[in-house]
Amino acid sequence: MSEQAENREPSYVELEKVLRSYLSDEMLLIPLREREWLILGTDRLLAEVETNEGDMIERGETKEALVSLATGLHQMITEEWGGDCHVAVGEPIIPTESLVYAVATLRETINLGRKFHMGMQVHMPWLVHLERLLSGIPEPVRSRFMDEMSGRQDLFTDPETVSTLDAFFAMDCNVSETAKRLFIHRNTLLYRLDKLKQEAGLDVRSFNDAILVRLLMLLYKVTKRK
C-alpha cells in the first residue's frame, strides 16, 4: 500500500502513471482513496529468495524479502516521480479471505509509522506492535505518564542522544553492533550510555530501564513535549 504525502507535487495522475509503468501485468493497482493505492502481487515476487533446494522460504526470510520489495518500491517512486510517499507491505494472504483485513492493517501501519516514526517512509506491520498498543492508550493517561517522568523527556531534544538510542534499540541493545552502525568506537558508545545513566538515572543496558526509555521515546514523539 502506498500513500502520497499531503500537499506535495507532482500530481496524483503523474504518480499513478509511474506506478502503472513500474508494475508487471501480474500485479494489480487498486485505488482506495485519494492519494492511496493497494498493490496486489503474486507470490512469485518472493521466488528470487527461495532456497537452493526449492523449498519455500521461512517466515523470517519472507519478511526480509518484503522489506526489500517495499524499500525498492519507495526508492523507485521517489526517483521517478520526485515526490514523497509512505509505503507499507504485508505478508502473503489469500485475497478472497483476508483482503479487507489486510487493507485495514496496512492503512493502520502507515498511520502509526507517520505518527511515531517521522522521517521514515517504509513501514512494516510486524514492527509497530508497541506503537499500536500506545496509540490505544487515552491521551490523559499518556500525558500523566510523561508528567511523572518530568525532566527525563528533555533528553530527547538532543539529536545525538536520540540517534544513539534509535540505533541501540534497532540493534537489539547490542553494544558492539550499535557502535558499528553509528561508525563510532565501542568506548564512545559506552560513554554516551553512561552519560545517559548519570543524567537521567536510566541504564538502557538494563532490561527494565530499556523498556522505560523506549516508551518515553515513542510517547515523546506523539505528545511533542519540549
Protein backbone atom coordinates (compact mmCIF):
# COMPACT_ATOMS: atom_id res chain seq x y z
CA MET A 1 0.00 0.00 0.00
CA SER A 2 1.39 3.43 -0.85
CA GLU A 3 0.18 6.86 0.11
CA GLN A 4 1.19 10.22 -1.32
CA ALA A 5 2.05 12.79 1.33
CA GLU A 6 -0.36 15.71 1.53
CA ASN A 7 0.22 18.95 -0.39
CA ARG A 8 3.07 17.57 -2.44
CA GLU A 9 3.74 17.89 -6.15
CA PRO A 10 3.84 16.37 -8.75
CA SER A 11 0.25 15.32 -9.16
CA TYR A 12 -1.80 12.22 -8.43
CA VAL A 13 -2.05 11.49 -12.16
CA GLU A 14 1.72 11.57 -12.62
CA LEU A 15 2.27 9.29 -9.66
CA GLU A 16 -0.32 6.82 -10.91
CA LYS A 17 1.43 6.71 -14.29
CA VAL A 18 4.73 5.95 -12.57
CA LEU A 19 3.17 3.17 -10.53
CA ARG A 20 1.47 1.58 -13.53
CA SER A 21 4.66 1.70 -15.60
CA TYR A 22 6.57 0.02 -12.76
CA LEU A 23 4.13 -2.84 -12.17
CA SER A 24 4.05 -6.01 -14.25
CA ASP A 25 0.93 -7.46 -15.83
CA GLU A 26 0.65 -9.89 -12.90
CA MET A 27 0.26 -7.05 -10.41
CA LEU A 28 -2.89 -5.06 -9.70
CA LEU A 29 -3.00 -1.36 -8.79
CA ILE A 30 -6.24 -0.63 -6.92
CA PRO A 31 -7.19 2.96 -5.96
CA LEU A 32 -8.59 3.04 -2.42
CA ARG A 33 -8.78 6.70 -1.52
CA GLU A 34 -7.38 9.89 -2.97
CA ARG A 35 -3.58 9.53 -2.85
CA GLU A 36 -3.85 5.92 -1.63
CA TRP A 37 -3.41 2.67 -3.57
CA LEU A 38 -3.30 -1.04 -2.88
CA ILE A 39 -0.85 -3.08 -4.92
CA LEU A 40 -1.52 -6.81 -5.15
CA GLY A 41 1.17 -9.15 -6.46
CA THR A 42 1.58 -12.90 -6.72
CA ASP A 43 3.84 -14.99 -4.53
CA ARG A 44 6.21 -15.20 -7.49
CA LEU A 45 7.68 -11.94 -6.20
CA LEU A 46 9.35 -14.00 -3.47
CA ALA A 47 10.74 -16.60 -5.86
CA GLU A 48 14.14 -14.97 -6.05
CA VAL A 49 14.74 -15.65 -2.36
CA GLU A 50 13.73 -19.31 -2.39
CA THR A 51 16.22 -21.83 -1.02
CA ASN A 52 18.59 -23.76 -3.28
CA GLU A 53 16.55 -26.91 -2.64
CA GLY A 54 13.45 -25.22 -3.99
CA ASP A 55 11.72 -25.21 -0.62
CA MET A 56 9.61 -22.26 0.38
CA ILE A 57 11.45 -19.68 2.41
CA GLU A 58 10.95 -19.38 6.13
CA ARG A 59 8.72 -16.68 7.59
CA GLY A 60 11.66 -14.55 8.72
CA GLU A 61 13.16 -14.70 5.25
CA THR A 62 9.80 -13.79 3.74
CA LYS A 63 9.75 -10.66 5.87
CA GLU A 64 13.26 -9.74 4.74
CA ALA A 65 12.19 -10.15 1.11
CA LEU A 66 9.11 -8.00 1.69
CA VAL A 67 11.23 -5.27 3.29
CA SER A 68 13.45 -5.28 0.19
CA LEU A 69 10.44 -5.09 -2.13
CA ALA A 70 8.88 -2.21 -0.18
CA THR A 71 12.17 -0.33 0.00
CA GLY A 72 12.73 -0.80 -3.71
CA LEU A 73 9.23 0.44 -4.50
CA HIS A 74 9.70 3.53 -2.36
CA GLN A 75 13.08 4.26 -3.94
CA MET A 76 11.62 3.92 -7.42
CA ILE A 77 8.76 6.29 -6.61
CA THR A 78 10.99 8.98 -5.11
CA GLU A 79 13.45 8.77 -8.01
CA GLU A 80 10.99 8.50 -10.91
CA TRP A 81 8.17 10.62 -9.55
CA GLY A 82 10.08 13.05 -7.37
CA GLY A 83 7.52 13.35 -4.59
CA ASP A 84 7.31 11.90 -1.10
CA CYS A 85 5.23 8.90 -0.10
CA HIS A 86 4.77 6.24 2.57
CA VAL A 87 4.81 2.52 1.80
CA ALA A 88 3.62 -0.39 3.93
CA VAL A 89 3.82 -4.06 2.98
CA GLY A 90 2.04 -7.08 4.41
CA GLU A 91 2.71 -10.80 4.48
CA PRO A 92 1.17 -13.05 1.78
CA ILE A 93 -2.59 -13.53 2.02
CA ILE A 94 -5.45 -15.26 0.23
CA PRO A 95 -7.25 -12.17 -1.15
CA THR A 96 -10.75 -13.66 -1.08
CA GLU A 97 -10.38 -14.39 2.63
CA SER A 98 -8.23 -11.61 4.04
CA LEU A 99 -8.25 -8.59 1.72
CA VAL A 100 -10.36 -6.29 3.90
CA TYR A 101 -8.30 -7.09 7.00
CA ALA A 102 -5.05 -6.65 5.07
CA VAL A 103 -6.06 -3.21 3.80
CA ALA A 104 -7.04 -2.10 7.30
CA THR A 105 -3.74 -3.36 8.70
CA LEU A 106 -1.64 -1.62 6.05
CA ARG A 107 -3.56 1.64 6.48
CA GLU A 108 -3.09 1.44 10.25
CA THR A 109 0.61 0.68 9.79
CA ILE A 110 1.14 3.80 7.69
CA ASN A 111 -0.76 5.94 10.20
CA LEU A 112 1.30 4.58 13.11
CA GLY A 113 4.53 4.99 11.17
CA ARG A 114 3.77 8.61 10.35
CA LYS A 115 2.77 9.25 13.96
CA PHE A 116 5.61 7.55 15.80
CA HIS A 117 8.44 7.41 13.25
CA MET A 118 8.66 10.74 11.49
CA GLY A 119 11.34 10.66 8.83
CA MET A 120 10.67 7.05 7.90
CA GLN A 121 8.65 6.25 4.77
CA VAL A 122 8.67 2.42 4.67
CA HIS A 123 6.68 0.73 7.43
CA MET A 124 6.17 -2.92 8.41
CA PRO A 125 3.10 -4.17 10.34
CA TRP A 126 5.19 -6.57 12.41
CA LEU A 127 7.40 -3.72 13.65
CA VAL A 128 4.69 -1.46 15.14
CA HIS A 129 3.13 -3.70 17.81
CA LEU A 130 4.23 -1.44 20.68
CA GLU A 131 3.19 1.66 18.76
CA ARG A 132 -0.26 0.14 18.21
CA LEU A 133 -0.60 -0.51 21.92
CA LEU A 134 0.49 3.00 22.90
CA SER A 135 -1.81 4.58 20.34
CA GLY A 136 -4.78 2.96 22.07
CA ILE A 137 -3.93 4.48 25.45
CA PRO A 138 -6.12 7.54 26.24
CA GLU A 139 -4.35 10.88 25.93
CA PRO A 140 -4.81 11.81 29.63
CA VAL A 141 -3.06 8.58 30.65
CA ARG A 142 -0.18 9.21 28.26
CA SER A 143 0.16 12.79 29.49
CA ARG A 144 0.17 11.71 33.14
CA PHE A 145 2.92 9.21 32.44
CA MET A 146 5.04 11.88 30.75
CA ASP A 147 4.42 14.25 33.67
CA GLU A 148 5.64 11.57 36.08
CA MET A 149 8.83 11.35 34.02
CA SER A 150 9.29 15.11 34.30
CA GLY A 151 12.80 16.14 33.26
CA ARG A 152 13.73 12.86 31.62
CA GLN A 153 12.00 13.64 28.33
CA ASP A 154 14.37 16.59 27.92
CA LEU A 155 16.94 14.01 26.86
CA PHE A 156 15.13 13.62 23.56
CA THR A 157 15.82 17.20 22.50
CA ASP A 158 19.47 16.20 21.94
CA PRO A 159 19.88 14.79 18.39
CA GLU A 160 22.96 12.75 19.35
CA THR A 161 21.12 11.06 22.21
CA VAL A 162 18.12 10.28 20.02
CA SER A 163 20.20 8.85 17.18
CA THR A 164 22.23 6.78 19.64
CA LEU A 165 19.14 5.33 21.31
CA ASP A 166 17.39 4.69 17.99
CA ALA A 167 20.40 2.72 16.77
CA PHE A 168 20.78 0.91 20.11
CA PHE A 169 17.19 -0.34 20.04
CA ALA A 170 17.32 -1.12 16.32
CA MET A 171 20.32 -3.39 17.00
CA ASP A 172 18.53 -5.20 19.85
CA CYS A 173 20.57 -3.38 22.52
CA ASN A 174 23.80 -4.92 21.24
CA VAL A 175 26.64 -2.54 22.11
CA SER A 176 29.14 -3.79 19.52
CA GLU A 177 26.65 -3.82 16.64
CA THR A 178 25.31 -0.38 17.62
CA ALA A 179 28.83 1.08 17.58
CA LYS A 180 29.38 -0.35 14.09
CA ARG A 181 26.10 1.08 12.86
CA LEU A 182 26.95 4.52 14.24
CA PHE A 183 30.55 4.31 12.96
CA ILE A 184 31.94 5.10 16.40
CA HIS A 185 34.30 3.31 18.78
CA ARG A 186 32.69 0.94 21.25
CA ASN A 187 34.07 3.00 24.15
CA THR A 188 32.46 6.13 22.71
CA LEU A 189 29.09 4.41 22.75
CA LEU A 190 29.62 3.20 26.31
CA TYR A 191 30.48 6.78 27.32
CA ARG A 192 27.19 8.03 25.83
CA LEU A 193 25.20 5.33 27.60
CA ASP A 194 26.95 6.05 30.91
CA LYS A 195 26.23 9.75 30.47
CA LEU A 196 22.54 8.95 29.97
CA LYS A 197 22.59 6.86 33.13
CA GLN A 198 24.19 9.67 35.15
CA GLU A 199 21.89 12.42 33.86
CA ALA A 200 18.58 10.54 33.82
CA GLY A 201 19.18 7.63 36.15
CA LEU A 202 18.30 5.23 33.34
CA ASP A 203 20.63 2.46 32.21
CA VAL A 204 19.42 1.18 28.82
CA ARG A 205 21.65 -1.88 29.26
CA SER A 206 19.17 -2.90 31.94
CA PHE A 207 16.03 -4.61 30.62
CA ASN A 208 13.55 -2.59 32.71
CA ASP A 209 15.23 0.75 32.01
CA ALA A 210 15.48 -0.06 28.30
CA ILE A 211 11.72 -0.63 28.16
CA LEU A 212 11.07 2.62 30.02
CA VAL A 213 13.33 4.64 27.71
CA ARG A 214 11.76 3.06 24.64
CA LEU A 215 8.29 4.03 25.88
CA LEU A 216 9.44 7.54 26.71
CA MET A 217 10.91 8.00 23.24
CA LEU A 218 7.74 6.88 21.48
CA LEU A 219 5.43 8.91 23.68
CA TYR A 220 7.65 11.98 23.41
CA LYS A 221 7.21 11.90 19.65
CA VAL A 222 3.41 11.97 19.86
CA THR A 223 2.99 14.28 22.86
CA LYS A 224 5.59 16.67 21.41
CA ARG A 225 6.83 17.72 24.81
CA LYS A 226 9.70 20.18 24.63
